[in-house]
PDB file of N, CA and C in Angstrom:
ATOM      1  N   ASN A   1      12.353 -19.660 -74.893  1.00  0.00           N
ATOM      2  CA  ASN A   1      12.704 -20.215 -76.195  1.00  0.00           C
ATOM      3  C   ASN A   1      12.044 -21.577 -76.375  1.00  0.00           C
ATOM      4  N   PRO A   2      11.577 -21.882 -77.574  1.00  0.00           N
ATOM      5  CA  PRO A   2      10.968 -23.189 -77.800  1.00  0.00           C
ATOM      6  C   PRO A   2      12.020 -24.292 -77.734  1.00  0.00           C
ATOM      7  N   VAL A   3      11.633 -25.441 -77.187  1.00  0.00           N
ATOM      8  CA  VAL A   3      12.547 -26.576 -77.121  1.00  0.00           C
ATOM      9  C   VAL A   3      12.852 -27.061 -78.531  1.00  0.00           C
ATOM     10  N   ASN A   4      11.829 -27.299 -79.335  1.00  0.00           N
ATOM     11  CA  ASN A   4      11.999 -27.686 -80.736  1.00  0.00           C
ATOM     12  C   ASN A   4      11.357 -26.658 -81.652  1.00  0.00           C
ATOM     13  N   PHE A   5      10.045 -26.432 -81.440  1.00  0.00           N
ATOM     14  CA  PHE A   5       9.320 -25.436 -82.211  1.00  0.00           C
ATOM     15  C   PHE A   5       8.002 -25.171 -81.513  1.00  0.00           C
ATOM     16  N   SER A   6       7.402 -24.038 -81.809  1.00  0.00           N
ATOM     17  CA  SER A   6       6.095 -23.730 -81.230  1.00  0.00           C
ATOM     18  C   SER A   6       5.241 -23.024 -82.266  1.00  0.00           C
ATOM     19  N   LEU A   7       3.937 -23.139 -82.083  1.00  0.00           N
ATOM     20  CA  LEU A   7       2.956 -22.569 -82.989  1.00  0.00           C
ATOM     21  C   LEU A   7       2.004 -21.731 -82.163  1.00  0.00           C
ATOM     22  N   ASP A   8       1.814 -20.468 -82.539  1.00  0.00           N
ATOM     23  CA  ASP A   8       0.987 -19.543 -81.772  1.00  0.00           C
ATOM     24  C   ASP A   8      -0.425 -19.448 -82.331  1.00  0.00           C
ATOM     25  N   GLN A   9      -1.324 -18.879 -81.517  1.00  0.00           N
ATOM     26  CA  GLN A   9      -2.681 -18.565 -81.956  1.00  0.00           C
ATOM     27  C   GLN A   9      -2.606 -17.486 -83.025  1.00  0.00           C
ATOM     28  N   ASN A  10      -3.399 -17.631 -84.066  1.00  0.00           N
ATOM     29  CA  ASN A  10      -3.415 -16.609 -85.118  1.00  0.00           C
ATOM     30  C   ASN A  10      -4.052 -15.322 -84.596  1.00  0.00           C
ATOM     31  N   TYR A  11      -3.763 -14.208 -85.263  1.00  0.00           N
ATOM     32  CA  TYR A  11      -4.368 -12.928 -84.895  1.00  0.00           C
ATOM     33  C   TYR A  11      -4.625 -12.116 -86.147  1.00  0.00           C
ATOM     34  N   PRO A  12      -5.666 -11.325 -86.257  1.00  0.00           N
ATOM     35  CA  PRO A  12      -6.797 -11.393 -85.325  1.00  0.00           C
ATOM     36  C   PRO A  12      -7.571 -12.693 -85.501  1.00  0.00           C
ATOM     37  N   ASN A  13      -8.381 -13.007 -84.502  1.00  0.00           N
ATOM     38  CA  ASN A  13      -9.202 -14.213 -84.543  1.00  0.00           C
ATOM     39  C   ASN A  13     -10.496 -13.915 -83.790  1.00  0.00           C
ATOM     40  N   PRO A  14     -11.661 -13.891 -84.399  1.00  0.00           N
ATOM     41  CA  PRO A  14     -11.894 -14.230 -85.811  1.00  0.00           C
ATOM     42  C   PRO A  14     -11.327 -13.170 -86.753  1.00  0.00           C
ATOM     43  N   PHE A  15     -11.230 -13.528 -88.026  1.00  0.00           N
ATOM     44  CA  PHE A  15     -10.626 -12.636 -89.008  1.00  0.00           C
ATOM     45  C   PHE A  15     -11.465 -12.578 -90.274  1.00  0.00           C
ATOM     46  N   ASN A  16     -11.269 -11.503 -91.024  1.00  0.00           N
ATOM     47  CA  ASN A  16     -11.947 -11.333 -92.309  1.00  0.00           C
ATOM     48  C   ASN A  16     -11.207 -10.269 -93.103  1.00  0.00           C
ATOM     49  N   PRO A  17     -10.562 -10.573 -94.199  1.00  0.00           N
ATOM     50  CA  PRO A  17     -10.388 -11.896 -94.814  1.00  0.00           C
ATOM     51  C   PRO A  17      -9.031 -12.516 -94.529  1.00  0.00           C
ATOM     52  N   SER A  18      -8.134 -11.823 -93.760  1.00  0.00           N
ATOM     53  CA  SER A  18      -6.802 -12.402 -93.570  1.00  0.00           C
ATOM     54  C   SER A  18      -6.393 -12.378 -92.109  1.00  0.00           C
ATOM     55  N   THR A  19      -5.437 -13.241 -91.791  1.00  0.00           N
ATOM     56  CA  THR A  19      -4.914 -13.350 -90.438  1.00  0.00           C
ATOM     57  C   THR A  19      -3.433 -13.691 -90.520  1.00  0.00           C
ATOM     58  N   VAL A  20      -2.728 -13.460 -89.428  1.00  0.00           N
ATOM     59  CA  VAL A  20      -1.297 -13.764 -89.362  1.00  0.00           C
ATOM     60  C   VAL A  20      -1.084 -14.953 -88.434  1.00  0.00           C
ATOM     61  N   ILE A  21      -0.305 -15.933 -88.897  1.00  0.00           N
ATOM     62  CA  ILE A  21       0.051 -17.102 -88.112  1.00  0.00           C
ATOM     63  C   ILE A  21       1.538 -16.999 -87.794  1.00  0.00           C
ATOM     64  N   SER A  22       1.868 -17.125 -86.517  1.00  0.00           N
ATOM     65  CA  SER A  22       3.260 -17.017 -86.070  1.00  0.00           C
ATOM     66  C   SER A  22       3.748 -18.361 -85.541  1.00  0.00           C
ATOM     67  N   TYR A  23       5.021 -18.629 -85.776  1.00  0.00           N
ATOM     68  CA  TYR A  23       5.634 -19.826 -85.220  1.00  0.00           C
ATOM     69  C   TYR A  23       7.111 -19.556 -84.948  1.00  0.00           C
ATOM     70  N   GLN A  24       7.677 -20.341 -84.042  1.00  0.00           N
ATOM     71  CA  GLN A  24       9.068 -20.193 -83.658  1.00  0.00           C
ATOM     72  C   GLN A  24       9.798 -21.522 -83.821  1.00  0.00           C
ATOM     73  N   LEU A  25      11.027 -21.426 -84.292  1.00  0.00           N
ATOM     74  CA  LEU A  25      11.875 -22.603 -84.470  1.00  0.00           C
ATOM     75  C   LEU A  25      13.113 -22.459 -83.599  1.00  0.00           C
ATOM     76  N   ALA A  26      13.458 -23.494 -82.840  1.00  0.00           N
ATOM     77  CA  ALA A  26      14.656 -23.469 -82.005  1.00  0.00           C
ATOM     78  C   ALA A  26      15.917 -23.715 -82.831  1.00  0.00           C
ATOM     79  N   GLU A  27      15.731 -24.323 -84.009  1.00  0.00           N
ATOM     80  CA  GLU A  27      16.864 -24.618 -84.890  1.00  0.00           C
ATOM     81  C   GLU A  27      16.401 -24.542 -86.326  1.00  0.00           C
ATOM     82  N   ASN A  28      17.351 -24.441 -87.250  1.00  0.00           N
ATOM     83  CA  ASN A  28      17.003 -24.467 -88.669  1.00  0.00           C
ATOM     84  C   ASN A  28      16.226 -25.742 -88.951  1.00  0.00           C
ATOM     85  N   SER A  29      15.176 -25.634 -89.751  1.00  0.00           N
ATOM     86  CA  SER A  29      14.325 -26.793 -89.985  1.00  0.00           C
ATOM     87  C   SER A  29      13.575 -26.641 -91.300  1.00  0.00           C
ATOM     88  N   THR A  30      13.170 -27.767 -91.869  1.00  0.00           N
ATOM     89  CA  THR A  30      12.281 -27.766 -93.027  1.00  0.00           C
ATOM     90  C   THR A  30      10.852 -27.707 -92.502  1.00  0.00           C
ATOM     91  N   VAL A  31      10.064 -26.766 -93.032  1.00  0.00           N
ATOM     92  CA  VAL A  31       8.753 -26.445 -92.477  1.00  0.00           C
ATOM     93  C   VAL A  31       7.665 -26.576 -93.539  1.00  0.00           C
ATOM     94  N   THR A  32       6.523 -27.110 -93.125  1.00  0.00           N
ATOM     95  CA  THR A  32       5.301 -27.081 -93.923  1.00  0.00           C
ATOM     96  C   THR A  32       4.191 -26.560 -93.021  1.00  0.00           C
ATOM     97  N   LEU A  33       3.420 -25.592 -93.523  1.00  0.00           N
ATOM     98  CA  LEU A  33       2.299 -25.021 -92.776  1.00  0.00           C
ATOM     99  C   LEU A  33       1.069 -25.079 -93.668  1.00  0.00           C
ATOM    100  N   GLU A  34       0.085 -25.881 -93.255  1.00  0.00           N
ATOM    101  CA  GLU A  34      -1.114 -26.118 -94.053  1.00  0.00           C
ATOM    102  C   GLU A  34      -2.359 -25.703 -93.285  1.00  0.00           C
ATOM    103  N   VAL A  35      -3.391 -25.328 -94.031  1.00  0.00           N
ATOM    104  CA  VAL A  35      -4.673 -24.928 -93.448  1.00  0.00           C
ATOM    105  C   VAL A  35      -5.734 -25.921 -93.917  1.00  0.00           C
ATOM    106  N   TYR A  36      -6.607 -26.324 -92.973  1.00  0.00           N
ATOM    107  CA  TYR A  36      -7.654 -27.314 -93.255  1.00  0.00           C
ATOM    108  C   TYR A  36      -9.016 -26.766 -92.862  1.00  0.00           C
ATOM    109  N   ASP A  37     -10.047 -27.217 -93.578  1.00  0.00           N
ATOM    110  CA  ASP A  37     -11.406 -26.882 -93.160  1.00  0.00           C
ATOM    111  C   ASP A  37     -11.842 -27.888 -92.096  1.00  0.00           C
ATOM    112  N   MET A  38     -13.035 -27.713 -91.569  1.00  0.00           N
ATOM    113  CA  MET A  38     -13.497 -28.564 -90.472  1.00  0.00           C
ATOM    114  C   MET A  38     -13.792 -30.001 -90.897  1.00  0.00           C
ATOM    115  N   LEU A  39     -13.801 -30.267 -92.193  1.00  0.00           N
ATOM    116  CA  LEU A  39     -13.964 -31.633 -92.685  1.00  0.00           C
ATOM    117  C   LEU A  39     -12.619 -32.315 -92.902  1.00  0.00           C
ATOM    118  N   GLY A  40     -11.528 -31.583 -92.581  1.00  0.00           N
ATOM    119  CA  GLY A  40     -10.200 -32.148 -92.720  1.00  0.00           C
ATOM    120  C   GLY A  40      -9.602 -32.024 -94.105  1.00  0.00           C
ATOM    121  N   ARG A  41     -10.237 -31.241 -94.971  1.00  0.00           N
ATOM    122  CA  ARG A  41      -9.719 -31.039 -96.325  1.00  0.00           C
ATOM    123  C   ARG A  41      -8.705 -29.906 -96.314  1.00  0.00           C
ATOM    124  N   GLU A  42      -7.559 -30.123 -96.946  1.00  0.00           N
ATOM    125  CA  GLU A  42      -6.559 -29.062 -97.052  1.00  0.00           C
ATOM    126  C   GLU A  42      -7.084 -27.968 -97.978  1.00  0.00           C
ATOM    127  N   VAL A  43      -7.080 -26.727 -97.505  1.00  0.00           N
ATOM    128  CA  VAL A  43      -7.571 -25.611 -98.312  1.00  0.00           C
ATOM    129  C   VAL A  43      -6.453 -24.650 -98.704  1.00  0.00           C
ATOM    130  N   ALA A  44      -5.305 -24.724 -98.044  1.00  0.00           N
ATOM    131  CA  ALA A  44      -4.186 -23.847 -98.386  1.00  0.00           C
ATOM    132  C   ALA A  44      -2.893 -24.424 -97.827  1.00  0.00           C
ATOM    133  N   THR A  45      -1.807 -24.220 -98.564  1.00  0.00           N
ATOM    134  CA  THR A  45      -0.458 -24.509 -98.069  1.00  0.00           C
ATOM    135  C   THR A  45       0.271 -23.182 -98.022  1.00  0.00           C
ATOM    136  N   LEU A  46       0.606 -22.728 -96.820  1.00  0.00           N
ATOM    137  CA  LEU A  46       1.220 -21.421 -96.638  1.00  0.00           C
ATOM    138  C   LEU A  46       2.740 -21.478 -96.697  1.00  0.00           C
ATOM    139  N   VAL A  47       3.313 -22.584 -96.250  1.00  0.00           N
ATOM    140  CA  VAL A  47       4.755 -22.837 -96.352  1.00  0.00           C
ATOM    141  C   VAL A  47       4.873 -24.276 -96.824  1.00  0.00           C
ATOM    142  N   ASN A  48       5.589 -24.485 -97.926  1.00  0.00           N
ATOM    143  CA  ASN A  48       5.619 -25.809 -98.543  1.00  0.00           C
ATOM    144  C   ASN A  48       7.021 -26.400 -98.510  1.00  0.00           C
ATOM    145  N   ASN A  49       7.318 -27.148 -97.426  1.00  0.00           N
ATOM    146  CA  ASN A  49       8.576 -27.890 -97.322  1.00  0.00           C
ATOM    147  C   ASN A  49       9.785 -26.972 -97.534  1.00  0.00           C
ATOM    148  N   GLU A  50       9.738 -25.792 -96.895  1.00  0.00           N
ATOM    149  CA  GLU A  50      10.798 -24.806 -97.054  1.00  0.00           C
ATOM    150  C   GLU A  50      11.784 -24.876 -95.900  1.00  0.00           C
ATOM    151  N   ARG A  51      13.043 -24.688 -96.213  1.00  0.00           N
ATOM    152  CA  ARG A  51      14.087 -24.638 -95.187  1.00  0.00           C
ATOM    153  C   ARG A  51      14.030 -23.260 -94.535  1.00  0.00           C
ATOM    154  N   MET A  52      13.799 -23.222 -93.222  1.00  0.00           N
ATOM    155  CA  MET A  52      13.655 -21.971 -92.482  1.00  0.00           C
ATOM    156  C   MET A  52      14.744 -21.905 -91.409  1.00  0.00           C
ATOM    157  N   THR A  53      15.150 -20.683 -91.077  1.00  0.00           N
ATOM    158  CA  THR A  53      16.147 -20.477 -90.046  1.00  0.00           C
ATOM    159  C   THR A  53      15.500 -20.503 -88.666  1.00  0.00           C
ATOM    160  N   ALA A  54      16.313 -20.734 -87.645  1.00  0.00           N
ATOM    161  CA  ALA A  54      15.833 -20.675 -86.267  1.00  0.00           C
ATOM    162  C   ALA A  54      15.313 -19.272 -85.983  1.00  0.00           C
ATOM    163  N   GLY A  55      14.315 -19.180 -85.093  1.00  0.00           N
ATOM    164  CA  GLY A  55      13.768 -17.886 -84.715  1.00  0.00           C
ATOM    165  C   GLY A  55      12.287 -17.800 -84.993  1.00  0.00           C
ATOM    166  N   SER A  56      11.768 -16.575 -84.942  1.00  0.00           N
ATOM    167  CA  SER A  56      10.334 -16.324 -85.109  1.00  0.00           C
ATOM    168  C   SER A  56      10.009 -16.055 -86.572  1.00  0.00           C
ATOM    169  N   HIS A  57       8.859 -16.564 -86.994  1.00  0.00           N
ATOM    170  CA  HIS A  57       8.394 -16.383 -88.371  1.00  0.00           C
ATOM    171  C   HIS A  57       6.905 -16.060 -88.357  1.00  0.00           C
ATOM    172  N   ASN A  58       6.467 -15.279 -89.331  1.00  0.00           N
ATOM    173  CA  ASN A  58       5.057 -14.938 -89.508  1.00  0.00           C
ATOM    174  C   ASN A  58       4.668 -15.220 -90.947  1.00  0.00           C
ATOM    175  N   VAL A  59       3.437 -15.683 -91.139  1.00  0.00           N
ATOM    176  CA  VAL A  59       2.903 -15.870 -92.482  1.00  0.00           C
ATOM    177  C   VAL A  59       1.452 -15.409 -92.472  1.00  0.00           C
ATOM    178  N   THR A  60       1.032 -14.755 -93.551  1.00  0.00           N
ATOM    179  CA  THR A  60      -0.339 -14.274 -93.661  1.00  0.00           C
ATOM    180  C   THR A  60      -1.184 -15.282 -94.418  1.00  0.00           C
ATOM    181  N   PHE A  61      -2.328 -15.606 -93.848  1.00  0.00           N
ATOM    182  CA  PHE A  61      -3.305 -16.484 -94.492  1.00  0.00           C
ATOM    183  C   PHE A  61      -4.447 -15.612 -94.980  1.00  0.00           C
ATOM    184  N   ASP A  62      -4.600 -15.510 -96.304  1.00  0.00           N
ATOM    185  CA  ASP A  62      -5.684 -14.741 -96.907  1.00  0.00           C
ATOM    186  C   ASP A  62      -6.781 -15.711 -97.309  1.00  0.00           C
ATOM    187  N   ALA A  63      -7.907 -15.632 -96.605  1.00  0.00           N
ATOM    188  CA  ALA A  63      -9.028 -16.546 -96.851  1.00  0.00           C
ATOM    189  C   ALA A  63     -10.131 -15.874 -97.659  1.00  0.00           C
ATOM    190  N   GLY A  64      -9.796 -14.813 -98.365  1.00  0.00           N
ATOM    191  CA  GLY A  64     -10.799 -14.080 -99.133  1.00  0.00           C
ATOM    192  C   GLY A  64     -11.525 -14.918-100.169  1.00  0.00           C
ATOM    193  N   ASN A  65     -10.878 -15.985-100.651  1.00  0.00           N
ATOM    194  CA  ASN A  65     -11.514 -16.836-101.660  1.00  0.00           C
ATOM    195  C   ASN A  65     -12.202 -18.054-101.047  1.00  0.00           C
ATOM    196  N   LEU A  66     -12.218 -18.146 -99.710  1.00  0.00           N
ATOM    197  CA  LEU A  66     -12.844 -19.280 -99.033  1.00  0.00           C
ATOM    198  C   LEU A  66     -14.134 -18.849 -98.353  1.00  0.00           C
ATOM    199  N   SER A  67     -15.012 -19.799 -98.109  1.00  0.00           N
ATOM    200  CA  SER A  67     -16.263 -19.486 -97.437  1.00  0.00           C
ATOM    201  C   SER A  67     -16.007 -19.213 -95.957  1.00  0.00           C
ATOM    202  N   SER A  68     -16.905 -18.486 -95.331  1.00  0.00           N
ATOM    203  CA  SER A  68     -16.803 -18.214 -93.899  1.00  0.00           C
ATOM    204  C   SER A  68     -16.894 -19.531 -93.143  1.00  0.00           C
ATOM    205  N   GLY A  69     -16.199 -19.609 -92.040  1.00  0.00           N
ATOM    206  CA  GLY A  69     -16.247 -20.833 -91.241  1.00  0.00           C
ATOM    207  C   GLY A  69     -15.024 -20.969 -90.381  1.00  0.00           C
ATOM    208  N   LEU A  70     -14.865 -22.137 -89.793  1.00  0.00           N
ATOM    209  CA  LEU A  70     -13.736 -22.440 -88.927  1.00  0.00           C
ATOM    210  C   LEU A  70     -12.658 -23.158 -89.726  1.00  0.00           C
ATOM    211  N   TYR A  71     -11.408 -22.794 -89.455  1.00  0.00           N
ATOM    212  CA  TYR A  71     -10.271 -23.421 -90.122  1.00  0.00           C
ATOM    213  C   TYR A  71      -9.222 -23.787 -89.083  1.00  0.00           C
ATOM    214  N   MET A  72      -8.499 -24.862 -89.347  1.00  0.00           N
ATOM    215  CA  MET A  72      -7.412 -25.317 -88.487  1.00  0.00           C
ATOM    216  C   MET A  72      -6.127 -25.225 -89.285  1.00  0.00           C
ATOM    217  N   TYR A  73      -5.030 -25.033 -88.593  1.00  0.00           N
ATOM    218  CA  TYR A  73      -3.752 -25.041 -89.292  1.00  0.00           C
ATOM    219  C   TYR A  73      -2.782 -25.968 -88.586  1.00  0.00           C
ATOM    220  N   ARG A  74      -1.846 -26.528 -89.378  1.00  0.00           N
ATOM    221  CA  ARG A  74      -0.894 -27.513 -88.864  1.00  0.00           C
ATOM    222  C   ARG A  74       0.510 -27.147 -89.332  1.00  0.00           C
ATOM    223  N   LEU A  75       1.422 -27.116 -88.384  1.00  0.00           N
ATOM    224  CA  LEU A  75       2.831 -26.861 -88.653  1.00  0.00           C
ATOM    225  C   LEU A  75       3.573 -28.183 -88.542  1.00  0.00           C
ATOM    226  N   SER A  76       4.318 -28.545 -89.573  1.00  0.00           N
ATOM    227  CA  SER A  76       5.100 -29.780 -89.577  1.00  0.00           C
ATOM    228  C   SER A  76       6.569 -29.448 -89.748  1.00  0.00           C
ATOM    229  N   THR A  77       7.413 -30.070 -88.905  1.00  0.00           N
ATOM    230  CA  THR A  77       8.865 -29.960 -89.017  1.00  0.00           C
ATOM    231  C   THR A  77       9.445 -31.365 -88.837  1.00  0.00           C
ATOM    232  N   ALA A  78      10.744 -31.462 -88.910  1.00  0.00           N
ATOM    233  CA  ALA A  78      11.398 -32.758 -88.690  1.00  0.00           C
ATOM    234  C   ALA A  78      11.158 -33.233 -87.258  1.00  0.00           C
ATOM    235  N   ASN A  79      10.839 -32.315 -86.352  1.00  0.00           N
ATOM    236  CA  ASN A  79      10.628 -32.660 -84.946  1.00  0.00           C
ATOM    237  C   ASN A  79       9.180 -33.020 -84.614  1.00  0.00           C
ATOM    238  N   GLY A  80       8.285 -32.997 -85.589  1.00  0.00           N
ATOM    239  CA  GLY A  80       6.891 -33.360 -85.333  1.00  0.00           C
ATOM    240  C   GLY A  80       5.921 -32.366 -85.917  1.00  0.00           C
ATOM    241  N   GLN A  81       4.680 -32.410 -85.394  1.00  0.00           N
ATOM    242  CA  GLN A  81       3.603 -31.555 -85.875  1.00  0.00           C
ATOM    243  C   GLN A  81       2.908 -30.898 -84.691  1.00  0.00           C
ATOM    244  N   LYS A  82       2.350 -29.714 -84.965  1.00  0.00           N
ATOM    245  CA  LYS A  82       1.536 -29.010 -83.976  1.00  0.00           C
ATOM    246  C   LYS A  82       0.317 -28.475 -84.672  1.00  0.00           C
TER     247      LYS A  82
END
């Protein structure tokens, strides 16, 4: 079980055009999950300051409207960022 929260590797990776991002919360928390390009520009917000229950969660990132390349994602909760 995660101590506070954990963020997993997306699958499939590489992907075209969509992938699933999984994360786990040890307790109910407000969550934001954002995707950035390699220049640090936010290209998508997948979860926007939503109250989520403890446990495992999955969200699909559809990059069909974005150019091919590398993307990073960041999970933010009251306990920090990953």
